[in-house]
Structure formats: C-alpha cells, structure tokens
C-alpha cells in the first residue's frame, strides 16, 4: 500500500490487489474469489506459470509486474496440438500530461520497449498492447483553450493531425497531437522493429 493525499485527507492506494486478497482472505474463500474474478479453464482454475529469472530481474529493475497463467484447449480435428504464448500489457503514463507531447510519447515508448523485450524473453508469440498505448487516456476529457469564450456544448468532430488540415481552435484538444499515421508513424515503425526483433505478432 502507498499513501496519497486527497481533498478529504490521506488515503491508501493499492499497488497490488492480489497481495491484499492473499493477506486478508482465507484460502478457501480466496479460491472462490479468484474463480469469480478470473473464471475457470475446462472446469479448473488456470495453472500459474513460473516467471523466468531473467524476466523477474527485468521486472524488479524497471518496476513492473508480470504474471502468467496456462490455459488448456480442447482437441482440434485438423491441427495438431500446439502451444501459443500470448501476453497482454496494461500500461501507465510516465511523464506529466503537461509535458511536451513528444516527450510524453517517447517516455511511454521507452517503457513499452522494455515490456516487449520481457515478452520476448518469455517466448511470446503474440503481444497485445492496450488501445492508444502511445498516449495518456484522454477520451474522458474535453479540454478547451483558456481563451475560448464559447461555452455551449457540442459534439466535437473526428479531427486530423495532418499538417495541412489542422483542427479549428475552438475544438482543438492537446491530445490530437498524439495522432500518427497508421502506415508510417513513429509508433508504427517502432512496433515493426520490435515485432521483427522478437519474431512476434504485436497487436
């Protein structure tokens, strides 16, 4: 637990829900809680995968958490059994959202690179990133310029970050500057390099 201060006073912030569950819930009840939270695999709880030492050392050095589970699948008629290793990233921002746009992006990319390298060390075949991984989660905001005196509500259009089609001042969020070309953008080129490096599908 870490302590933060809110307007109503100090509050506890959970860093790891699993540790809290293990600390306060008896084993029998904990098994049922995990069944509700994570579901079952062919009638039993998913098996826990041991994390390789190299990846555990990376997690300690770069301050991230990694968990692994094994899921079984039923037999197929036309394909032989095989193992497919899939990983999912839940990321967080690094720099304050008041920092320059590219500085924010680069900090996130640097962190994602480490996480993909860790996935490669575990032999993953598929790595899934969260949506718009390259920027803060901005879709719940409606930022406006301080000098904008228009106060009526409106539904903002889809905006383009193309230099020849800048968004109008009255509805320009700072977040649209994170937009990149899906074909040749910096984030796309980065993902291509990492996919080639680890022979991995990255979504």
N, C-alpha and C. Protein backbone atom coordinates (compact mmCIF):
# COMPACT_ATOMS: atom_id res chain seq x y z
N UNK A 1 0.83 -1.19 0.00
CA UNK A 1 0.00 0.00 0.00
C UNK A 1 0.87 1.24 0.00
N UNK A 2 0.44 2.24 -0.72
CA UNK A 2 1.12 3.54 -0.68
C UNK A 2 0.11 4.59 -0.27
N UNK A 3 0.59 5.65 0.35
CA UNK A 3 -0.31 6.67 0.86
C UNK A 3 -0.32 7.88 -0.06
N UNK A 4 -1.52 8.34 -0.39
CA UNK A 4 -1.72 9.55 -1.16
C UNK A 4 -2.60 10.49 -0.35
N UNK A 5 -2.59 11.75 -0.72
CA UNK A 5 -3.42 12.74 -0.02
C UNK A 5 -4.47 13.26 -0.97
N UNK A 6 -5.73 13.22 -0.53
CA UNK A 6 -6.82 13.77 -1.31
C UNK A 6 -7.40 14.95 -0.57
N UNK A 7 -8.44 15.55 -1.15
CA UNK A 7 -9.06 16.70 -0.51
C UNK A 7 -9.68 16.33 0.83
N UNK A 8 -10.03 15.08 1.00
CA UNK A 8 -10.63 14.64 2.26
C UNK A 8 -9.62 14.08 3.24
N UNK A 9 -8.33 14.13 2.89
CA UNK A 9 -7.29 13.65 3.79
C UNK A 9 -6.52 12.50 3.19
N UNK A 10 -5.57 11.91 3.95
CA UNK A 10 -4.75 10.80 3.45
C UNK A 10 -5.60 9.59 3.10
N UNK A 11 -5.27 8.94 2.00
CA UNK A 11 -5.95 7.72 1.58
C UNK A 11 -4.92 6.68 1.20
N UNK A 12 -5.31 5.41 1.34
CA UNK A 12 -4.44 4.32 0.94
C UNK A 12 -4.67 3.99 -0.53
N UNK A 13 -3.57 3.79 -1.27
CA UNK A 13 -3.67 3.43 -2.67
C UNK A 13 -3.11 2.03 -2.86
N UNK A 14 -3.89 1.14 -3.46
CA UNK A 14 -3.46 -0.23 -3.66
C UNK A 14 -2.46 -0.31 -4.80
N UNK A 15 -1.34 -0.95 -4.55
CA UNK A 15 -0.37 -1.21 -5.60
C UNK A 15 -0.54 -2.61 -6.19
N UNK A 16 -1.14 -3.52 -5.40
CA UNK A 16 -1.30 -4.89 -5.86
C UNK A 16 -2.50 -5.52 -5.18
N UNK A 17 -3.57 -5.72 -5.93
CA UNK A 17 -4.80 -6.27 -5.36
C UNK A 17 -4.59 -7.71 -4.90
N UNK A 18 -3.82 -8.49 -5.67
CA UNK A 18 -3.59 -9.89 -5.32
C UNK A 18 -2.97 -10.02 -3.92
N UNK A 19 -2.01 -9.18 -3.62
CA UNK A 19 -1.36 -9.28 -2.31
C UNK A 19 -2.35 -9.00 -1.18
N UNK A 20 -3.23 -8.04 -1.39
CA UNK A 20 -4.23 -7.72 -0.37
C UNK A 20 -5.20 -8.89 -0.19
N UNK A 21 -5.63 -9.49 -1.30
CA UNK A 21 -6.53 -10.64 -1.20
C UNK A 21 -5.87 -11.78 -0.45
N UNK A 22 -4.62 -12.06 -0.77
CA UNK A 22 -3.90 -13.16 -0.11
C UNK A 22 -3.70 -12.88 1.38
N UNK A 23 -3.55 -11.61 1.73
CA UNK A 23 -3.28 -11.24 3.12
C UNK A 23 -4.52 -11.34 4.00
N UNK A 24 -5.69 -11.00 3.43
CA UNK A 24 -6.87 -10.85 4.28
C UNK A 24 -7.97 -11.89 4.06
N UNK A 25 -7.90 -12.69 2.99
CA UNK A 25 -8.97 -13.64 2.70
C UNK A 25 -8.46 -15.07 2.92
N UNK A 26 -9.16 -15.86 3.72
CA UNK A 26 -8.75 -17.26 3.94
C UNK A 26 -8.67 -18.04 2.63
N UNK A 27 -7.89 -19.11 2.64
CA UNK A 27 -7.57 -19.83 1.41
C UNK A 27 -8.80 -20.33 0.67
N UNK A 28 -9.75 -20.92 1.40
CA UNK A 28 -10.94 -21.47 0.74
C UNK A 28 -11.75 -20.36 0.07
N UNK A 29 -11.97 -19.27 0.78
CA UNK A 29 -12.72 -18.15 0.21
C UNK A 29 -11.94 -17.49 -0.92
N UNK A 30 -10.60 -17.46 -0.79
CA UNK A 30 -9.76 -16.85 -1.83
C UNK A 30 -9.90 -17.60 -3.15
N UNK A 31 -9.98 -18.92 -3.08
CA UNK A 31 -10.15 -19.72 -4.30
C UNK A 31 -11.45 -19.35 -5.00
N UNK A 32 -12.52 -19.12 -4.23
CA UNK A 32 -13.80 -18.74 -4.82
C UNK A 32 -13.74 -17.32 -5.40
N UNK A 33 -13.06 -16.42 -4.69
CA UNK A 33 -12.90 -15.06 -5.19
C UNK A 33 -12.17 -15.07 -6.54
N UNK A 34 -11.11 -15.85 -6.62
CA UNK A 34 -10.36 -15.93 -7.88
C UNK A 34 -11.20 -16.56 -8.99
N UNK A 35 -12.07 -17.53 -8.63
CA UNK A 35 -12.94 -18.11 -9.64
C UNK A 35 -13.86 -17.05 -10.22
N UNK A 36 -14.41 -16.20 -9.34
CA UNK A 36 -15.31 -15.14 -9.81
C UNK A 36 -14.54 -14.11 -10.63
N UNK A 37 -13.33 -13.76 -10.19
CA UNK A 37 -12.56 -12.73 -10.87
C UNK A 37 -11.98 -13.20 -12.20
N UNK A 38 -11.46 -14.43 -12.23
CA UNK A 38 -10.69 -14.88 -13.39
C UNK A 38 -11.38 -15.97 -14.20
N UNK A 39 -12.43 -16.56 -13.65
CA UNK A 39 -13.10 -17.62 -14.38
C UNK A 39 -12.39 -18.96 -14.25
N UNK A 40 -12.88 -19.94 -15.02
CA UNK A 40 -12.33 -21.29 -14.98
C UNK A 40 -11.86 -21.69 -16.37
N UNK A 41 -10.98 -22.67 -16.41
CA UNK A 41 -10.49 -23.21 -17.67
C UNK A 41 -10.76 -24.72 -17.67
N UNK A 42 -11.72 -25.12 -18.48
CA UNK A 42 -12.11 -26.53 -18.54
C UNK A 42 -12.44 -27.06 -17.14
N UNK A 43 -13.12 -26.26 -16.36
CA UNK A 43 -13.61 -26.70 -15.05
C UNK A 43 -12.65 -26.52 -13.90
N UNK A 44 -11.44 -26.04 -14.16
CA UNK A 44 -10.48 -25.84 -13.07
C UNK A 44 -9.86 -24.45 -13.21
N UNK A 45 -9.24 -23.98 -12.13
CA UNK A 45 -8.57 -22.69 -12.18
C UNK A 45 -7.35 -22.77 -13.09
N UNK A 46 -7.07 -21.71 -13.85
CA UNK A 46 -5.88 -21.72 -14.70
C UNK A 46 -4.61 -21.95 -13.89
N UNK A 47 -3.71 -22.76 -14.45
CA UNK A 47 -2.44 -23.03 -13.77
C UNK A 47 -1.53 -21.80 -13.83
N UNK A 48 -0.77 -21.60 -12.77
CA UNK A 48 0.16 -20.47 -12.71
C UNK A 48 1.48 -20.86 -13.38
N UNK A 49 1.99 -19.97 -14.22
CA UNK A 49 3.27 -20.20 -14.89
C UNK A 49 4.38 -19.53 -14.09
N UNK A 50 5.46 -20.24 -13.89
CA UNK A 50 6.63 -19.68 -13.21
C UNK A 50 7.33 -18.69 -14.14
N UNK A 51 7.62 -17.52 -13.63
CA UNK A 51 8.27 -16.47 -14.43
C UNK A 51 9.77 -16.71 -14.48
N UNK A 52 10.37 -16.71 -15.67
CA UNK A 52 11.82 -16.93 -15.76
C UNK A 52 12.61 -15.90 -14.95
N UNK A 53 13.74 -16.31 -14.44
CA UNK A 53 14.56 -15.44 -13.60
C UNK A 53 14.94 -14.16 -14.32
N UNK A 54 15.29 -14.25 -15.61
CA UNK A 54 15.68 -13.07 -16.36
C UNK A 54 14.55 -12.04 -16.40
N UNK A 55 13.32 -12.51 -16.59
CA UNK A 55 12.18 -11.61 -16.67
C UNK A 55 11.87 -11.03 -15.29
N UNK A 56 11.99 -11.83 -14.25
CA UNK A 56 11.77 -11.33 -12.89
C UNK A 56 12.78 -10.24 -12.55
N UNK A 57 14.02 -10.41 -12.99
CA UNK A 57 15.05 -9.40 -12.76
C UNK A 57 14.73 -8.13 -13.54
N UNK A 58 14.23 -8.27 -14.76
CA UNK A 58 13.82 -7.08 -15.53
C UNK A 58 12.67 -6.36 -14.84
N UNK A 59 11.72 -7.12 -14.32
CA UNK A 59 10.58 -6.52 -13.63
C UNK A 59 11.03 -5.75 -12.40
N UNK A 60 11.98 -6.30 -11.67
CA UNK A 60 12.50 -5.62 -10.48
C UNK A 60 13.27 -4.36 -10.86
N UNK A 61 14.05 -4.46 -11.90
CA UNK A 61 14.88 -3.32 -12.31
C UNK A 61 14.04 -2.18 -12.86
N UNK A 62 13.04 -2.50 -13.68
CA UNK A 62 12.27 -1.46 -14.35
C UNK A 62 10.90 -1.22 -13.72
N UNK A 63 10.64 -1.84 -12.58
CA UNK A 63 9.45 -1.56 -11.77
C UNK A 63 8.16 -1.87 -12.53
N UNK A 64 8.01 -3.13 -12.95
CA UNK A 64 6.73 -3.57 -13.47
C UNK A 64 6.43 -4.96 -12.91
N UNK A 65 5.19 -5.37 -13.06
CA UNK A 65 4.75 -6.65 -12.53
C UNK A 65 4.38 -7.58 -13.67
N UNK A 66 4.70 -8.85 -13.53
CA UNK A 66 4.39 -9.82 -14.58
C UNK A 66 3.79 -11.07 -13.94
N UNK A 67 2.69 -11.54 -14.52
CA UNK A 67 2.02 -12.75 -14.07
C UNK A 67 1.79 -13.64 -15.29
N UNK A 68 1.73 -14.94 -15.06
CA UNK A 68 1.50 -15.87 -16.14
C UNK A 68 0.56 -16.99 -15.75
N UNK A 69 -0.32 -17.39 -16.66
CA UNK A 69 -1.24 -18.50 -16.44
C UNK A 69 -1.28 -19.38 -17.68
N UNK A 70 -1.59 -20.64 -17.45
CA UNK A 70 -1.68 -21.60 -18.55
C UNK A 70 -3.13 -22.02 -18.74
N UNK A 71 -3.62 -21.92 -19.97
CA UNK A 71 -4.98 -22.32 -20.31
C UNK A 71 -4.93 -23.48 -21.30
N UNK A 72 -5.70 -24.51 -21.01
CA UNK A 72 -5.78 -25.64 -21.92
C UNK A 72 -6.91 -25.42 -22.92
N UNK A 73 -6.81 -26.11 -24.05
CA UNK A 73 -7.85 -26.02 -25.08
C UNK A 73 -8.24 -27.43 -25.51
N UNK A 74 -9.45 -27.56 -25.99
CA UNK A 74 -9.90 -28.86 -26.47
C UNK A 74 -9.20 -29.26 -27.76
N UNK A 75 -9.21 -30.53 -28.09
CA UNK A 75 -8.54 -31.00 -29.32
C UNK A 75 -9.25 -30.49 -30.57
N UNK A 76 -8.46 -30.24 -31.61
CA UNK A 76 -8.99 -29.86 -32.91
C UNK A 76 -8.91 -31.05 -33.86
N UNK A 77 -9.72 -31.02 -34.89
CA UNK A 77 -9.75 -32.13 -35.83
C UNK A 77 -8.68 -32.02 -36.91
N UNK A 78 -8.32 -30.79 -37.32
CA UNK A 78 -7.44 -30.62 -38.47
C UNK A 78 -6.05 -30.15 -38.13
N UNK A 79 -5.82 -29.78 -36.87
CA UNK A 79 -4.48 -29.30 -36.50
C UNK A 79 -3.99 -30.03 -35.27
N UNK A 80 -2.69 -30.28 -35.24
CA UNK A 80 -2.09 -30.95 -34.08
C UNK A 80 -2.03 -29.98 -32.90
N UNK A 81 -2.00 -30.50 -31.68
CA UNK A 81 -1.88 -29.62 -30.51
C UNK A 81 -0.60 -28.79 -30.57
N UNK A 82 -0.67 -27.57 -30.12
CA UNK A 82 0.49 -26.68 -30.13
C UNK A 82 0.33 -25.68 -28.99
N UNK A 83 1.41 -25.04 -28.63
CA UNK A 83 1.40 -24.03 -27.58
C UNK A 83 1.50 -22.65 -28.22
N UNK A 84 0.59 -21.78 -27.88
CA UNK A 84 0.62 -20.38 -28.33
C UNK A 84 0.75 -19.51 -27.08
N UNK A 85 1.76 -18.69 -27.04
CA UNK A 85 2.01 -17.83 -25.88
C UNK A 85 1.55 -16.41 -26.21
N UNK A 86 0.61 -15.93 -25.42
CA UNK A 86 0.00 -14.62 -25.65
C UNK A 86 0.20 -13.76 -24.41
N UNK A 87 0.57 -12.50 -24.59
CA UNK A 87 0.75 -11.58 -23.47
C UNK A 87 -0.06 -10.31 -23.66
N UNK A 88 -0.49 -9.74 -22.55
CA UNK A 88 -1.28 -8.51 -22.55
C UNK A 88 -0.59 -7.48 -21.68
N UNK A 89 -0.47 -6.25 -22.18
CA UNK A 89 0.15 -5.16 -21.43
C UNK A 89 -0.91 -4.21 -20.91
N UNK A 90 -0.85 -3.91 -19.64
CA UNK A 90 -1.62 -2.80 -19.07
C UNK A 90 -0.60 -1.75 -18.66
N UNK A 91 -0.59 -0.65 -19.39
CA UNK A 91 0.47 0.33 -19.26
C UNK A 91 0.01 1.55 -18.46
N UNK A 92 0.96 2.40 -18.11
CA UNK A 92 0.67 3.67 -17.45
C UNK A 92 1.57 4.74 -18.04
N UNK A 93 1.17 5.99 -17.87
CA UNK A 93 1.98 7.08 -18.40
C UNK A 93 3.21 7.28 -17.51
N UNK A 94 4.20 7.97 -18.05
CA UNK A 94 5.45 8.21 -17.32
C UNK A 94 5.60 9.69 -16.99
N UNK A 95 5.44 10.52 -18.00
CA UNK A 95 5.64 11.96 -17.82
C UNK A 95 4.31 12.63 -17.50
N UNK A 96 4.36 13.78 -16.83
CA UNK A 96 3.13 14.54 -16.59
C UNK A 96 2.47 14.95 -17.90
N UNK A 97 1.15 15.05 -17.92
CA UNK A 97 0.44 15.39 -19.15
C UNK A 97 0.60 16.86 -19.53
N UNK A 98 1.32 17.61 -18.71
CA UNK A 98 1.65 19.00 -19.05
C UNK A 98 2.98 19.09 -19.79
N UNK A 99 3.72 17.98 -19.86
CA UNK A 99 5.00 17.98 -20.57
C UNK A 99 4.77 18.05 -22.08
N UNK A 100 5.81 18.40 -22.85
CA UNK A 100 5.68 18.43 -24.31
C UNK A 100 5.16 17.08 -24.84
N UNK A 101 4.35 17.16 -25.89
CA UNK A 101 3.69 15.98 -26.42
C UNK A 101 4.68 14.86 -26.76
N UNK A 102 5.75 15.19 -27.49
CA UNK A 102 6.66 14.13 -27.91
C UNK A 102 7.45 13.56 -26.73
N UNK A 103 7.72 14.38 -25.73
CA UNK A 103 8.40 13.86 -24.54
C UNK A 103 7.52 12.83 -23.83
N UNK A 104 6.22 13.10 -23.77
CA UNK A 104 5.30 12.13 -23.18
C UNK A 104 5.30 10.83 -23.99
N UNK A 105 5.19 10.98 -25.31
CA UNK A 105 5.17 9.79 -26.17
C UNK A 105 6.44 8.97 -26.02
N UNK A 106 7.59 9.64 -26.05
CA UNK A 106 8.87 8.92 -26.02
C UNK A 106 9.03 8.16 -24.71
N UNK A 107 8.57 8.75 -23.61
CA UNK A 107 8.67 8.07 -22.32
C UNK A 107 7.83 6.80 -22.31
N UNK A 108 6.63 6.86 -22.89
CA UNK A 108 5.78 5.68 -22.97
C UNK A 108 6.42 4.63 -23.88
N UNK A 109 6.94 5.05 -25.01
CA UNK A 109 7.57 4.10 -25.93
C UNK A 109 8.75 3.40 -25.26
N UNK A 110 9.56 4.14 -24.52
CA UNK A 110 10.71 3.55 -23.84
C UNK A 110 10.26 2.47 -22.86
N UNK A 111 9.16 2.74 -22.16
CA UNK A 111 8.63 1.75 -21.22
C UNK A 111 8.08 0.53 -21.94
N UNK A 112 7.33 0.76 -23.02
CA UNK A 112 6.76 -0.34 -23.78
C UNK A 112 7.86 -1.21 -24.37
N UNK A 113 8.95 -0.60 -24.78
CA UNK A 113 10.06 -1.39 -25.34
C UNK A 113 10.58 -2.40 -24.33
N UNK A 114 10.72 -1.99 -23.08
CA UNK A 114 11.17 -2.91 -22.04
C UNK A 114 10.16 -4.05 -21.85
N UNK A 115 8.87 -3.71 -21.86
CA UNK A 115 7.83 -4.72 -21.66
C UNK A 115 7.79 -5.71 -22.81
N UNK A 116 8.01 -5.24 -24.03
CA UNK A 116 8.04 -6.15 -25.18
C UNK A 116 9.30 -7.03 -25.13
N UNK A 117 10.42 -6.46 -24.70
CA UNK A 117 11.64 -7.26 -24.53
C UNK A 117 11.42 -8.37 -23.50
N UNK A 118 10.69 -8.04 -22.42
CA UNK A 118 10.38 -9.06 -21.41
C UNK A 118 9.50 -10.15 -22.02
N UNK A 119 8.55 -9.75 -22.87
CA UNK A 119 7.70 -10.72 -23.54
C UNK A 119 8.53 -11.63 -24.44
N UNK A 120 9.51 -11.03 -25.14
CA UNK A 120 10.39 -11.82 -25.98
C UNK A 120 11.19 -12.82 -25.18
N UNK A 121 11.62 -12.41 -23.98
CA UNK A 121 12.40 -13.31 -23.12
C UNK A 121 11.56 -14.48 -22.63
N UNK A 122 10.23 -14.33 -22.62
CA UNK A 122 9.34 -15.41 -22.23
C UNK A 122 8.86 -16.23 -23.42
N UNK A 123 9.33 -15.89 -24.61
CA UNK A 123 8.98 -16.67 -25.79
C UNK A 123 7.58 -16.44 -26.29
N UNK A 124 7.01 -15.25 -26.07
CA UNK A 124 5.65 -14.98 -26.51
C UNK A 124 5.54 -14.96 -28.03
N UNK A 125 4.43 -15.47 -28.52
CA UNK A 125 4.13 -15.42 -29.95
C UNK A 125 3.31 -14.20 -30.32
N UNK A 126 2.44 -13.76 -29.39
CA UNK A 126 1.55 -12.63 -29.64
C UNK A 126 1.61 -11.69 -28.44
N UNK A 127 1.79 -10.41 -28.71
CA UNK A 127 1.80 -9.41 -27.64
C UNK A 127 0.72 -8.38 -27.94
N UNK A 128 -0.20 -8.18 -27.00
CA UNK A 128 -1.31 -7.26 -27.19
C UNK A 128 -1.09 -6.01 -26.33
N UNK A 129 -1.10 -4.85 -26.97
CA UNK A 129 -1.00 -3.58 -26.27
C UNK A 129 -2.40 -3.03 -26.03
N UNK A 130 -2.52 -2.16 -25.06
CA UNK A 130 -3.82 -1.54 -24.84
C UNK A 130 -4.10 -0.51 -25.93
N UNK A 131 -5.36 -0.17 -26.10
CA UNK A 131 -5.74 0.79 -27.13
C UNK A 131 -5.07 2.14 -26.93
N UNK A 132 -4.67 2.78 -28.03
CA UNK A 132 -3.94 4.06 -28.00
C UNK A 132 -2.86 4.03 -26.92
N UNK A 133 -2.03 3.00 -26.97
CA UNK A 133 -0.99 2.80 -25.95
C UNK A 133 0.01 3.94 -25.91
N UNK A 134 0.12 4.69 -26.99
CA UNK A 134 1.19 5.67 -27.12
C UNK A 134 0.84 7.05 -26.54
N UNK A 135 -0.27 7.15 -25.80
CA UNK A 135 -0.68 8.45 -25.27
C UNK A 135 -1.43 8.25 -23.96
N UNK A 136 -1.62 9.33 -23.19
CA UNK A 136 -2.47 9.23 -22.00
C UNK A 136 -3.90 8.92 -22.39
N UNK A 137 -4.66 8.38 -21.45
CA UNK A 137 -6.07 8.11 -21.73
C UNK A 137 -6.82 9.43 -21.68
N UNK A 138 -7.15 9.96 -22.86
CA UNK A 138 -7.69 11.32 -22.94
C UNK A 138 -9.15 11.35 -23.34
N UNK A 139 -9.77 10.21 -23.58
CA UNK A 139 -11.11 10.21 -24.16
C UNK A 139 -12.18 10.62 -23.16
N UNK A 140 -11.83 10.68 -21.89
CA UNK A 140 -12.81 11.12 -20.90
C UNK A 140 -12.71 12.63 -20.66
N UNK A 141 -11.84 13.32 -21.39
CA UNK A 141 -11.64 14.75 -21.18
C UNK A 141 -12.24 15.54 -22.33
N UNK A 142 -12.50 16.82 -22.08
CA UNK A 142 -12.95 17.75 -23.13
C UNK A 142 -12.19 19.04 -22.95
N UNK A 143 -10.90 18.98 -23.20
CA UNK A 143 -10.03 20.13 -22.98
C UNK A 143 -10.39 21.25 -23.96
N UNK A 144 -10.35 22.50 -23.46
CA UNK A 144 -10.61 23.67 -24.30
C UNK A 144 -9.53 24.70 -24.01
N UNK A 145 -9.31 25.58 -24.98
CA UNK A 145 -8.36 26.66 -24.78
C UNK A 145 -8.87 27.64 -23.73
N UNK A 146 -7.96 28.19 -22.95
CA UNK A 146 -8.35 29.14 -21.92
C UNK A 146 -8.99 30.39 -22.52
N UNK A 147 -8.59 30.75 -23.75
CA UNK A 147 -9.12 31.97 -24.36
C UNK A 147 -10.38 31.72 -25.17
N UNK A 148 -10.92 30.51 -25.09
CA UNK A 148 -12.14 30.19 -25.82
C UNK A 148 -13.34 30.62 -24.99
N UNK A 149 -14.06 31.61 -25.47
CA UNK A 149 -15.19 32.14 -24.71
C UNK A 149 -16.50 31.49 -25.10
N UNK A 150 -16.44 30.48 -26.01
CA UNK A 150 -17.66 29.76 -26.37
C UNK A 150 -17.91 28.68 -25.34
N UNK A 151 -19.06 28.66 -24.71
CA UNK A 151 -19.33 27.75 -23.62
C UNK A 151 -20.42 26.74 -23.94
N UNK A 152 -20.95 26.78 -25.17
CA UNK A 152 -22.03 25.86 -25.48
C UNK A 152 -21.46 24.45 -25.70
N UNK A 153 -22.27 23.47 -25.37
CA UNK A 153 -21.86 22.08 -25.58
C UNK A 153 -21.96 21.75 -27.05
N UNK A 154 -21.10 20.84 -27.49
CA UNK A 154 -21.15 20.42 -28.87
C UNK A 154 -20.52 19.04 -28.95
N UNK A 155 -20.81 18.37 -30.03
CA UNK A 155 -20.18 17.07 -30.27
C UNK A 155 -18.98 17.31 -31.18
N UNK A 156 -17.74 17.22 -30.67
CA UNK A 156 -16.57 17.53 -31.48
C UNK A 156 -16.41 16.52 -32.62
N UNK A 157 -16.03 16.99 -33.78
CA UNK A 157 -15.85 16.07 -34.91
C UNK A 157 -14.58 15.26 -34.75
N UNK A 158 -14.45 14.21 -35.55
CA UNK A 158 -13.19 13.49 -35.60
C UNK A 158 -12.16 14.42 -36.23
N UNK A 159 -11.01 14.54 -35.57
CA UNK A 159 -10.02 15.52 -36.01
C UNK A 159 -8.82 14.83 -36.63
N UNK A 160 -8.18 15.51 -37.54
CA UNK A 160 -6.99 15.00 -38.20
C UNK A 160 -5.78 15.77 -37.72
N UNK A 161 -4.67 15.04 -37.50
CA UNK A 161 -3.43 15.70 -37.12
C UNK A 161 -2.58 16.04 -38.35
N UNK A 162 -3.15 15.89 -39.55
CA UNK A 162 -2.42 16.20 -40.78
C UNK A 162 -2.07 17.69 -40.78
N UNK A 163 -0.81 18.05 -41.09
CA UNK A 163 -0.39 19.45 -41.02
C UNK A 163 -1.17 20.39 -41.93
N UNK A 164 -1.74 19.86 -43.01
CA UNK A 164 -2.49 20.71 -43.93
C UNK A 164 -3.97 20.82 -43.55
N UNK A 165 -4.36 20.07 -42.53
CA UNK A 165 -5.75 20.11 -42.08
C UNK A 165 -5.79 20.23 -40.56
N UNK A 166 -5.26 21.32 -40.02
CA UNK A 166 -5.25 21.46 -38.55
C UNK A 166 -6.67 21.63 -38.03
N UNK A 167 -6.92 21.11 -36.81
CA UNK A 167 -8.26 21.26 -36.23
C UNK A 167 -8.53 22.71 -35.88
N UNK A 168 -9.77 23.16 -35.92
CA UNK A 168 -10.08 24.54 -35.57
C UNK A 168 -9.79 24.81 -34.10
N UNK A 169 -9.47 26.07 -33.78
CA UNK A 169 -9.07 26.40 -32.42
C UNK A 169 -10.15 26.09 -31.40
N UNK A 170 -11.44 26.24 -31.80
CA UNK A 170 -12.49 26.10 -30.81
C UNK A 170 -12.68 24.66 -30.34
N UNK A 171 -12.09 23.66 -31.03
CA UNK A 171 -12.28 22.29 -30.56
C UNK A 171 -10.97 21.50 -30.61
N UNK A 172 -9.86 22.22 -30.52
CA UNK A 172 -8.57 21.52 -30.58
C UNK A 172 -8.15 21.07 -29.20
N UNK A 173 -8.10 19.77 -29.03
CA UNK A 173 -7.59 19.22 -27.78
C UNK A 173 -6.06 19.15 -27.89
N UNK A 174 -5.33 19.16 -26.81
CA UNK A 174 -3.89 18.86 -26.95
C UNK A 174 -3.67 17.41 -27.38
N UNK A 175 -4.66 16.54 -27.12
CA UNK A 175 -4.46 15.12 -27.36
C UNK A 175 -4.38 14.78 -28.85
N UNK A 176 -4.97 15.58 -29.73
CA UNK A 176 -4.93 15.22 -31.15
C UNK A 176 -3.51 15.23 -31.69
N UNK A 177 -2.61 15.91 -31.01
CA UNK A 177 -1.23 15.95 -31.47
C UNK A 177 -0.51 14.63 -31.25
N UNK A 178 -1.13 13.69 -30.51
CA UNK A 178 -0.56 12.35 -30.39
C UNK A 178 -0.89 11.50 -31.62
N UNK A 179 -1.82 11.96 -32.47
CA UNK A 179 -2.22 11.17 -33.63
C UNK A 179 -1.03 11.01 -34.58
N UNK A 180 -0.89 9.79 -35.12
CA UNK A 180 0.18 9.48 -36.06
C UNK A 180 -0.38 8.70 -37.23
N UNK A 181 0.38 8.67 -38.31
CA UNK A 181 -0.01 7.86 -39.46
C UNK A 181 0.04 6.38 -39.08
N UNK A 182 -1.03 5.65 -39.42
CA UNK A 182 -1.06 4.22 -39.14
C UNK A 182 -0.10 3.45 -40.03
N UNK A 183 0.33 4.06 -41.16
CA UNK A 183 1.21 3.39 -42.10
C UNK A 183 2.68 3.70 -41.85
N UNK A 184 2.98 4.97 -41.52
CA UNK A 184 4.39 5.36 -41.43
C UNK A 184 4.72 6.14 -40.16
N UNK A 185 3.82 6.19 -39.21
CA UNK A 185 4.05 6.95 -37.99
C UNK A 185 5.16 6.36 -37.14
N UNK A 186 5.65 7.17 -36.21
CA UNK A 186 6.75 6.75 -35.34
C UNK A 186 6.38 5.50 -34.54
N UNK A 187 5.14 5.47 -34.01
CA UNK A 187 4.71 4.31 -33.22
C UNK A 187 4.63 3.06 -34.08
N UNK A 188 4.14 3.19 -35.32
CA UNK A 188 4.06 2.05 -36.22
C UNK A 188 5.44 1.50 -36.54
N UNK A 189 6.39 2.39 -36.83
CA UNK A 189 7.75 1.96 -37.13
C UNK A 189 8.40 1.28 -35.93
N UNK A 190 8.11 1.80 -34.73
CA UNK A 190 8.65 1.19 -33.51
C UNK A 190 8.11 -0.23 -33.34
N UNK A 191 6.80 -0.41 -33.50
CA UNK A 191 6.19 -1.73 -33.34
C UNK A 191 6.72 -2.70 -34.40
N UNK A 192 6.93 -2.21 -35.62
CA UNK A 192 7.50 -3.07 -36.66
C UNK A 192 8.89 -3.56 -36.27
N UNK A 193 9.71 -2.66 -35.72
CA UNK A 193 11.06 -3.06 -35.30
C UNK A 193 11.00 -4.12 -34.20
N UNK A 194 10.11 -3.92 -33.23
CA UNK A 194 10.04 -4.85 -32.11
C UNK A 194 9.47 -6.20 -32.55
N UNK A 195 8.52 -6.17 -33.45
CA UNK A 195 7.95 -7.43 -33.95
C UNK A 195 9.01 -8.24 -34.69
N UNK A 196 9.82 -7.55 -35.50
CA UNK A 196 10.91 -8.22 -36.22
C UNK A 196 11.97 -8.73 -35.26
N UNK A 197 12.30 -7.94 -34.26
CA UNK A 197 13.34 -8.30 -33.28
C UNK A 197 13.00 -9.60 -32.56
N UNK A 198 11.73 -9.76 -32.18
CA UNK A 198 11.33 -10.91 -31.39
C UNK A 198 10.52 -11.94 -32.16
N UNK A 199 10.38 -11.76 -33.49
CA UNK A 199 9.58 -12.68 -34.30
C UNK A 199 8.21 -12.87 -33.64
N UNK A 200 7.53 -11.77 -33.41
CA UNK A 200 6.32 -11.75 -32.60
C UNK A 200 5.24 -10.94 -33.31
N UNK A 201 3.99 -11.39 -33.16
CA UNK A 201 2.86 -10.59 -33.63
C UNK A 201 2.50 -9.61 -32.51
N UNK A 202 2.45 -8.31 -32.84
CA UNK A 202 2.12 -7.29 -31.85
C UNK A 202 0.85 -6.59 -32.30
N UNK A 203 -0.15 -6.59 -31.45
CA UNK A 203 -1.44 -6.01 -31.77
C UNK A 203 -1.63 -4.74 -30.95
